Amino acid sequence: MVDDLAIVDSGNTTLTPNIDMLAQEGLRLTRHIAAAPLCTPSRAGVYIISAASGGLPKEEVTFAKVAKRQGYETVLSFVTIQASLGKWHRGLNCERNDDYCHHPSAHGFHHFYGITLTKLRDCQPGRSSIFTNVQAHTPFKYIFSTLPYKTLGVGVATVTFLHARGVVTAWRKLVLRVVAIYGTFVANFPDFSCFLMRNREVDEQPYVSENLTQRMTDEVNSAPFLLFFSFIQVHTAMFASPAFQGTSQHDIYGNAIQEVDWSGNPPTGKGGIQVPVLLRWTGMLPAGKDIDEPTSNVDIFPAVVKLAGGTALGDRVIDGHDLIPLLQGKVERSKQEFLFHYCNAYLNVVRWQPPNSKSTFPM
């Protein structure tokens, strides 16, 4: 999976031969939508029943848990400067710093190699910092944009002004100590937060993004039954390994896309609500076919459960429908009659395809 790669981003001037091969040898879902317009709940909608944000509850059912019960080995591979061989971003601990209640290993994955946080520009040398990327809309925005947090700059300015007017008394040593402590935290933030994990152990801290995609690709050469590979690119601070730097006319964004293409023929890419999905299963799915029926990321979960030999979830009501009959041509219509689009907690639109009709109506 490629987070936040829009369907039009690559265009026809970015070289993606492996993705092109998937399109030729597999089939394309042309009316597929994401589970949500945000990265984490949309990605989670692929491998769990619900797509809520935040850490995963222990009772949540993932397709990795189902496959594990059936005796299969599962690997969570997330390649991102965030978390799961790649990007997890679903939490790590609950009550203690070593209970790993939200870790992938607690949700059915035998192996994890990746990062648990997200969008940390501090992990990319020379790519700015989350502390200095201030969106200040004041006459002093150029001053505040160089400070760690706009709030700190405003606070120092306010205390200085009130001290000069005699309203408050500020002890210089105390102010300097607070600023020094805060500055030390900011300077060492990458060491605290930029860590790469292998299962439950920190493998590298701070990690180096150079050749990280290649390292994660090598990590999954064992080809487990179930591999979920969520790339670092293009969701987080942009980077490209040396072999791909300068290879695209679209600068670092194009370089990152071409590295994703090289790494592993990613099966699905998403960029908002309307998302491109390519599926290849040689001998089982037709090649070069387009399916124009409405489908969703939430349909992948029941399809994987069915392929793993899992049973119905009993007490769970899920939104997804098994895709396999539609993909194999055994049925011509998707079971998705209604598809709901949310922005955070707000319902934005509903798409309705009535039974026995090819028309889709926004509601």
Protein backbone atom coordinates (compact mmCIF):
# COMPACT_ATOMS: atom_id res chain seq x y z
CA MET A 1 0.00 0.00 0.00
CA VAL A 2 1.16 3.51 -0.85
CA ASP A 3 -0.26 6.17 1.45
CA ASP A 4 -1.52 9.43 -0.08
CA LEU A 5 -0.39 8.70 -3.62
CA ALA A 6 -3.12 10.33 -5.69
CA ILE A 7 -4.46 8.59 -8.76
CA VAL A 8 -3.12 11.41 -10.97
CA ASP A 9 0.21 11.99 -9.23
CA SER A 10 2.36 9.69 -11.33
CA GLY A 11 0.92 10.81 -14.68
CA ASN A 12 2.51 9.39 -17.83
CA THR A 13 5.94 10.91 -17.30
CA THR A 14 6.95 8.94 -14.19
CA LEU A 15 8.47 5.54 -14.89
CA THR A 16 6.46 2.78 -13.18
CA PRO A 17 7.15 -0.38 -15.24
CA ASN A 18 6.31 -2.80 -12.42
CA ILE A 19 2.97 -1.17 -11.66
CA ASP A 20 2.25 -1.13 -15.40
CA MET A 21 2.99 -4.86 -15.48
CA LEU A 22 0.50 -5.44 -12.67
CA ALA A 23 -2.15 -3.61 -14.68
CA GLN A 24 -1.44 -5.76 -17.74
CA GLU A 25 -1.23 -9.10 -15.95
CA GLY A 26 -3.96 -8.44 -13.40
CA LEU A 27 -7.26 -6.62 -13.21
CA ARG A 28 -8.19 -3.08 -12.24
CA LEU A 29 -10.96 -1.89 -9.93
CA THR A 30 -11.96 1.40 -11.53
CA ARG A 31 -14.61 2.51 -9.01
CA HIS A 32 -12.81 1.55 -5.82
CA ILE A 33 -12.89 3.90 -2.84
CA ALA A 34 -10.91 4.21 0.38
CA ALA A 35 -12.46 3.50 3.76
CA ALA A 36 -11.77 7.08 4.87
CA PRO A 37 -10.09 10.22 3.50
CA LEU A 38 -7.32 9.99 6.10
CA CYS A 39 -4.29 7.73 5.97
CA THR A 40 -4.53 5.69 9.18
CA PRO A 41 -8.25 4.77 9.27
CA SER A 42 -8.27 4.18 5.53
CA ARG A 43 -5.28 1.85 5.72
CA ALA A 44 -6.72 0.11 8.76
CA GLY A 45 -9.96 -0.47 6.86
CA VAL A 46 -8.04 -3.00 4.76
CA TYR A 47 -6.94 -5.31 7.57
CA ILE A 48 -9.49 -4.82 10.37
CA ILE A 49 -13.27 -4.77 10.62
CA SER A 50 -13.62 -1.13 11.65
CA ALA A 51 -11.54 1.80 10.51
CA ALA A 52 -11.52 4.01 13.59
CA SER A 53 -8.43 6.03 14.44
CA GLY A 54 -6.29 5.48 17.51
CA GLY A 55 -4.76 2.34 18.97
CA LEU A 56 -6.32 -1.02 18.19
CA PRO A 57 -8.34 -2.56 21.04
CA LYS A 58 -7.29 -6.06 22.03
CA GLU A 59 -10.64 -7.48 20.97
CA GLU A 60 -10.33 -6.09 17.43
CA VAL A 61 -10.17 -8.75 14.71
CA THR A 62 -7.53 -8.33 12.00
CA PHE A 63 -7.15 -10.55 8.98
CA ALA A 64 -3.74 -11.46 10.43
CA LYS A 65 -5.45 -12.92 13.51
CA VAL A 66 -7.79 -14.94 11.33
CA ALA A 67 -4.93 -16.24 9.16
CA LYS A 68 -2.91 -17.08 12.28
CA ARG A 69 -5.77 -19.17 13.65
CA GLN A 70 -5.73 -21.10 10.38
CA GLY A 71 -2.02 -21.85 10.82
CA TYR A 72 -0.55 -19.32 8.40
CA GLU A 73 2.48 -17.13 9.03
CA THR A 74 1.81 -13.43 8.73
CA VAL A 75 4.16 -10.50 8.35
CA LEU A 76 3.34 -6.87 8.82
CA SER A 77 5.69 -4.94 6.59
CA PHE A 78 5.42 -1.22 6.73
CA VAL A 79 7.92 1.03 5.08
CA THR A 80 7.26 4.53 6.30
CA ILE A 81 8.72 7.05 8.59
CA GLN A 82 5.84 6.19 10.77
CA ALA A 83 4.86 2.63 11.56
CA SER A 84 3.97 -1.16 10.28
CA LEU A 85 7.71 -3.58 7.13
CA GLY A 86 6.76 -0.01 7.07
CA LYS A 87 3.95 1.93 8.63
CA TRP A 88 1.86 0.96 11.65
CA HIS A 89 0.70 4.17 13.36
CA ARG A 90 -1.90 2.33 15.42
CA GLY A 91 -0.25 2.76 18.79
CA LEU A 92 2.34 0.81 20.74
CA ASN A 93 1.71 0.60 24.51
CA CYS A 94 -1.22 1.10 26.89
CA GLU A 95 -0.51 1.07 30.63
CA ARG A 96 3.28 0.57 30.60
CA ASN A 97 6.07 1.30 28.17
CA ASP A 98 6.59 -2.42 27.60
CA ASP A 99 3.10 -3.95 27.43
CA TYR A 100 2.92 -3.67 23.59
CA CYS A 101 -0.87 -3.89 23.69
CA HIS A 102 -1.19 -2.03 20.37
CA HIS A 103 1.89 -3.55 18.72
CA PRO A 104 1.34 -5.60 15.52
CA SER A 105 2.41 -8.75 17.38
CA ALA A 106 -0.68 -8.34 19.59
CA HIS A 107 -2.90 -8.39 16.52
CA GLY A 108 -1.88 -11.55 14.74
CA PHE A 109 1.34 -10.63 12.94
CA HIS A 110 4.28 -12.96 13.48
CA HIS A 111 6.84 -10.45 12.30
CA PHE A 112 7.09 -6.67 12.22
CA TYR A 113 9.79 -4.46 10.78
CA GLY A 114 9.01 -0.78 10.60
CA ILE A 115 8.20 2.44 12.37
CA THR A 116 5.42 3.21 14.81
CA LEU A 117 5.13 6.98 14.37
CA THR A 118 4.25 9.16 11.42
CA LYS A 119 5.11 12.34 9.52
CA LEU A 120 8.24 13.16 11.50
CA ARG A 121 10.29 15.42 9.27
CA ASP A 122 12.94 15.40 12.00
CA CYS A 123 13.81 11.85 10.92
CA GLN A 124 14.96 13.14 7.53
CA PRO A 125 18.22 15.12 7.69
CA GLY A 126 17.80 18.48 6.02
CA ARG A 127 14.00 18.14 5.76
CA SER A 128 13.04 20.70 8.40
CA SER A 129 11.34 19.84 11.69
CA ILE A 130 7.84 19.52 13.06
CA PHE A 131 8.88 22.19 15.57
CA THR A 132 9.79 24.83 13.01
CA ASN A 133 7.06 24.20 10.44
CA VAL A 134 4.86 26.91 11.91
CA GLN A 135 1.86 28.23 9.99
CA ALA A 136 1.90 31.68 11.56
CA HIS A 137 -0.48 34.30 10.15
CA THR A 138 0.92 37.36 11.89
CA PRO A 139 3.22 40.24 10.90
CA PHE A 140 5.95 38.33 12.75
CA LYS A 141 5.44 35.02 10.95
CA TYR A 142 9.02 34.96 9.65
CA ILE A 143 10.29 35.29 13.21
CA PHE A 144 7.92 32.73 14.69
CA SER A 145 8.55 30.26 11.86
CA THR A 146 12.16 29.89 13.05
CA LEU A 147 11.15 29.08 16.63
CA PRO A 148 10.24 25.67 18.06
CA TYR A 149 6.50 26.08 18.26
CA LYS A 150 4.71 29.34 17.75
CA THR A 151 3.40 29.04 21.31
CA LEU A 152 6.91 29.25 22.77
CA GLY A 153 7.67 32.40 20.80
CA VAL A 154 4.41 34.04 21.82
CA GLY A 155 4.98 33.03 25.44
CA VAL A 156 8.49 34.49 25.62
CA ALA A 157 7.34 37.71 23.94
CA THR A 158 4.40 38.02 26.34
CA VAL A 159 6.50 37.47 29.47
CA THR A 160 9.10 39.97 28.23
CA PHE A 161 6.43 42.60 27.57
CA LEU A 162 4.72 42.11 30.93
CA HIS A 163 8.06 42.17 32.74
CA ALA A 164 9.01 45.44 31.02
CA ARG A 165 5.67 46.98 32.07
CA GLY A 166 6.14 45.83 35.65
CA VAL A 167 3.08 43.60 35.61
CA VAL A 168 5.06 40.45 36.44
CA THR A 169 8.55 39.69 37.68
CA ALA A 170 10.51 37.21 35.61
CA TRP A 171 13.72 35.76 37.02
CA ARG A 172 16.32 35.62 34.29
CA LYS A 173 17.89 32.37 35.50
CA LEU A 174 14.51 30.64 35.62
CA VAL A 175 13.63 31.76 32.11
CA LEU A 176 17.02 30.67 30.78
CA ARG A 177 16.66 27.26 32.44
CA VAL A 178 13.22 26.68 30.94
CA VAL A 179 14.46 27.70 27.49
CA ALA A 180 17.54 25.46 27.89
CA ILE A 181 15.44 22.44 28.87
CA TYR A 182 13.07 23.00 25.98
CA GLY A 183 15.95 23.54 23.55
CA THR A 184 17.61 20.31 24.70
CA PHE A 185 14.39 18.39 24.09
CA VAL A 186 14.00 19.84 20.59
CA ALA A 187 17.64 19.14 19.72
CA ASN A 188 17.35 15.51 20.84
CA PHE A 189 13.85 14.86 19.52
CA PRO A 190 15.03 12.62 16.63
CA ASP A 191 16.86 10.39 19.12
CA PHE A 192 13.65 10.02 21.15
CA SER A 193 11.16 9.44 18.34
CA CYS A 194 12.93 8.25 15.19
CA PHE A 195 13.33 4.54 15.87
CA LEU A 196 13.01 1.49 13.65
CA MET A 197 11.64 -1.67 15.26
CA ARG A 198 12.13 -5.33 14.48
CA ASN A 199 9.29 -7.11 16.23
CA ARG A 200 9.36 -5.69 19.78
CA GLU A 201 12.98 -4.58 19.81
CA VAL A 202 14.37 -1.23 18.69
CA ASP A 203 16.60 -2.10 15.76
CA GLU A 204 17.92 1.37 14.94
CA GLN A 205 17.63 4.70 16.80
CA PRO A 206 17.63 7.20 15.27
CA TYR A 207 17.17 5.32 12.02
CA VAL A 208 18.72 6.27 8.69
CA SER A 209 16.28 6.58 5.80
CA GLU A 210 18.98 5.99 3.18
CA ASN A 211 18.26 2.65 1.48
CA LEU A 212 15.44 2.02 3.96
CA THR A 213 13.06 0.92 1.19
CA GLN A 214 15.63 -1.59 -0.07
CA ARG A 215 16.23 -2.91 3.43
CA MET A 216 12.53 -3.41 4.00
CA THR A 217 12.14 -5.08 0.62
CA ASP A 218 14.94 -7.52 1.51
CA GLU A 219 13.21 -8.17 4.84
CA VAL A 220 10.21 -9.81 3.17
CA ASN A 221 11.96 -12.08 0.68
CA SER A 222 10.77 -15.08 2.70
CA ALA A 223 7.34 -14.59 1.05
CA PRO A 224 4.92 -15.34 3.91
CA PHE A 225 1.31 -16.24 3.20
CA LEU A 226 0.13 -12.79 4.23
CA LEU A 227 2.32 -9.73 3.75
CA PHE A 228 1.07 -6.20 4.33
CA PHE A 229 3.66 -3.71 3.07
CA SER A 230 2.80 -0.05 3.72
CA PHE A 231 5.41 2.19 2.12
CA ILE A 232 6.99 5.21 3.71
CA GLN A 233 6.62 7.10 0.46
CA VAL A 234 4.83 9.32 -0.32
CA HIS A 235 2.94 10.10 2.86
CA THR A 236 5.77 11.40 5.00
CA ALA A 237 8.73 13.73 4.60
CA MET A 238 10.05 13.08 1.11
CA PHE A 239 13.20 11.07 0.57
CA ALA A 240 14.67 8.80 -2.06
CA SER A 241 17.59 6.40 -1.84
CA PRO A 242 20.77 7.37 -3.74
CA ALA A 243 20.01 4.98 -6.61
CA PHE A 244 16.78 6.88 -7.36
CA GLN A 245 17.86 10.45 -6.70
CA GLY A 246 17.65 12.57 -9.83
CA THR A 247 15.93 9.84 -11.88
CA SER A 248 12.63 11.69 -12.33
CA GLN A 249 11.87 15.03 -13.93
CA HIS A 250 9.44 15.62 -11.05
CA ASP A 251 12.18 16.03 -8.45
CA ILE A 252 12.04 14.12 -5.17
CA TYR A 253 8.32 13.27 -5.39
CA GLY A 254 8.83 11.50 -8.70
CA ASN A 255 11.99 9.85 -7.38
CA ALA A 256 10.00 8.45 -4.43
CA ILE A 257 7.27 7.06 -6.70
CA GLN A 258 9.83 5.33 -8.91
CA GLU A 259 11.47 3.77 -5.85
CA VAL A 260 8.08 2.47 -4.71
CA ASP A 261 7.54 0.99 -8.18
CA TRP A 262 10.92 -0.75 -8.04
CA SER A 263 10.48 -2.12 -4.55
CA GLY A 264 7.68 -4.60 -4.80
CA ASN A 265 4.91 -4.20 -7.36
CA PRO A 266 2.58 -2.68 -4.72
CA PRO A 267 -0.92 -4.13 -5.03
CA THR A 268 -2.85 -1.07 -3.96
CA GLY A 269 -2.29 2.64 -3.89
CA LYS A 270 -4.57 5.25 -2.45
CA GLY A 271 -4.91 8.98 -2.74
CA GLY A 272 -8.04 10.24 -1.07
CA ILE A 273 -11.43 8.64 -1.75
CA GLN A 274 -11.21 7.43 -5.36
CA VAL A 275 -8.24 5.07 -5.31
CA PRO A 276 -6.47 2.92 -7.88
CA VAL A 277 -6.37 -0.79 -7.10
CA LEU A 278 -4.58 -3.49 -9.08
CA LEU A 279 -5.02 -7.17 -8.29
CA ARG A 280 -2.96 -9.99 -9.76
CA TRP A 281 -3.42 -13.68 -9.02
CA THR A 282 -2.00 -15.71 -11.88
CA GLY A 283 -4.31 -18.48 -13.01
CA MET A 284 -7.09 -17.41 -10.66
CA LEU A 285 -7.97 -13.88 -11.79
CA PRO A 286 -8.37 -12.74 -15.41
CA ALA A 287 -5.58 -10.59 -16.85
CA GLY A 288 -6.10 -7.16 -18.35
CA LYS A 289 -9.68 -6.79 -17.16
CA ASP A 290 -11.40 -3.68 -15.78
CA ILE A 291 -14.17 -4.03 -13.19
CA ASP A 292 -16.41 -0.97 -13.06
CA GLU A 293 -18.52 -2.05 -10.08
CA PRO A 294 -18.36 0.00 -6.83
CA THR A 295 -15.93 -1.60 -4.37
CA SER A 296 -14.12 -0.43 -1.25
CA ASN A 297 -11.03 -1.09 0.85
CA VAL A 298 -13.32 -2.68 3.44
CA ASP A 299 -14.05 -5.47 0.94
CA ILE A 300 -10.45 -6.69 1.15
CA PHE A 301 -10.81 -7.92 4.75
CA PRO A 302 -13.59 -10.50 4.10
CA ALA A 303 -11.84 -11.60 0.90
CA VAL A 304 -8.61 -12.42 2.76
CA VAL A 305 -10.56 -14.12 5.56
CA LYS A 306 -12.31 -16.31 2.99
CA LEU A 307 -9.05 -17.18 1.20
CA ALA A 308 -7.43 -18.13 4.52
CA GLY A 309 -10.27 -20.54 5.24
CA GLY A 310 -11.60 -18.43 8.08
CA THR A 311 -15.19 -18.60 9.25
CA ALA A 312 -17.84 -15.97 9.80
CA LEU A 313 -17.09 -13.61 12.66
CA GLY A 314 -20.33 -14.36 14.47
CA ASP A 315 -20.89 -11.37 16.74
CA ARG A 316 -19.41 -8.86 14.29
CA VAL A 317 -21.34 -6.96 11.64
CA ILE A 318 -18.98 -5.74 8.94
CA ASP A 319 -19.41 -3.38 6.00
CA GLY A 320 -17.22 -5.30 3.57
CA HIS A 321 -18.22 -8.04 1.13
CA ASP A 322 -16.07 -10.84 -0.25
CA LEU A 323 -14.57 -9.62 -3.53
CA ILE A 324 -13.50 -12.99 -4.93
CA PRO A 325 -16.73 -13.96 -6.77
CA LEU A 326 -16.77 -10.54 -8.47
CA LEU A 327 -13.08 -10.72 -9.36
CA GLN A 328 -13.39 -14.20 -10.84
CA GLY A 329 -16.46 -13.27 -12.88
CA LYS A 330 -18.82 -15.61 -11.02
CA VAL A 331 -21.09 -12.62 -10.35
CA GLU A 332 -21.42 -9.41 -12.33
CA ARG A 333 -22.52 -7.02 -9.60
CA SER A 334 -20.88 -5.83 -6.44
CA LYS A 335 -22.81 -6.37 -3.23
CA GLN A 336 -22.01 -2.79 -2.19
CA GLU A 337 -25.34 -1.02 -2.64
CA PHE A 338 -24.48 1.91 -0.34
CA LEU A 339 -21.03 3.44 0.18
CA PHE A 340 -20.58 6.10 2.86
CA HIS A 341 -17.96 8.87 2.77
CA TYR A 342 -16.93 10.46 6.05
CA CYS A 343 -14.68 13.41 6.85
CA ASN A 344 -13.65 12.82 10.46
CA ALA A 345 -16.97 12.19 12.28
CA TYR A 346 -19.13 13.87 9.65
CA LEU A 347 -20.97 12.08 6.87
CA ASN A 348 -20.26 13.94 3.64
CA VAL A 349 -22.02 11.90 0.98
CA VAL A 350 -23.59 8.52 0.31
CA ARG A 351 -23.30 6.73 -3.02
CA TRP A 352 -26.23 4.48 -3.89
CA GLN A 353 -26.34 1.92 -6.67
CA PRO A 354 -29.85 0.44 -6.76
CA PRO A 355 -30.23 -3.28 -7.40
CA ASN A 356 -30.46 -4.21 -11.08
CA SER A 357 -29.12 -0.81 -12.11
CA LYS A 358 -25.78 0.43 -13.45
CA SER A 359 -26.46 4.00 -12.31
CA THR A 360 -24.92 5.49 -9.18
CA PHE A 361 -26.66 8.29 -7.30
CA PRO A 362 -25.01 10.67 -4.79
CA MET A 363 -27.22 11.34 -1.78
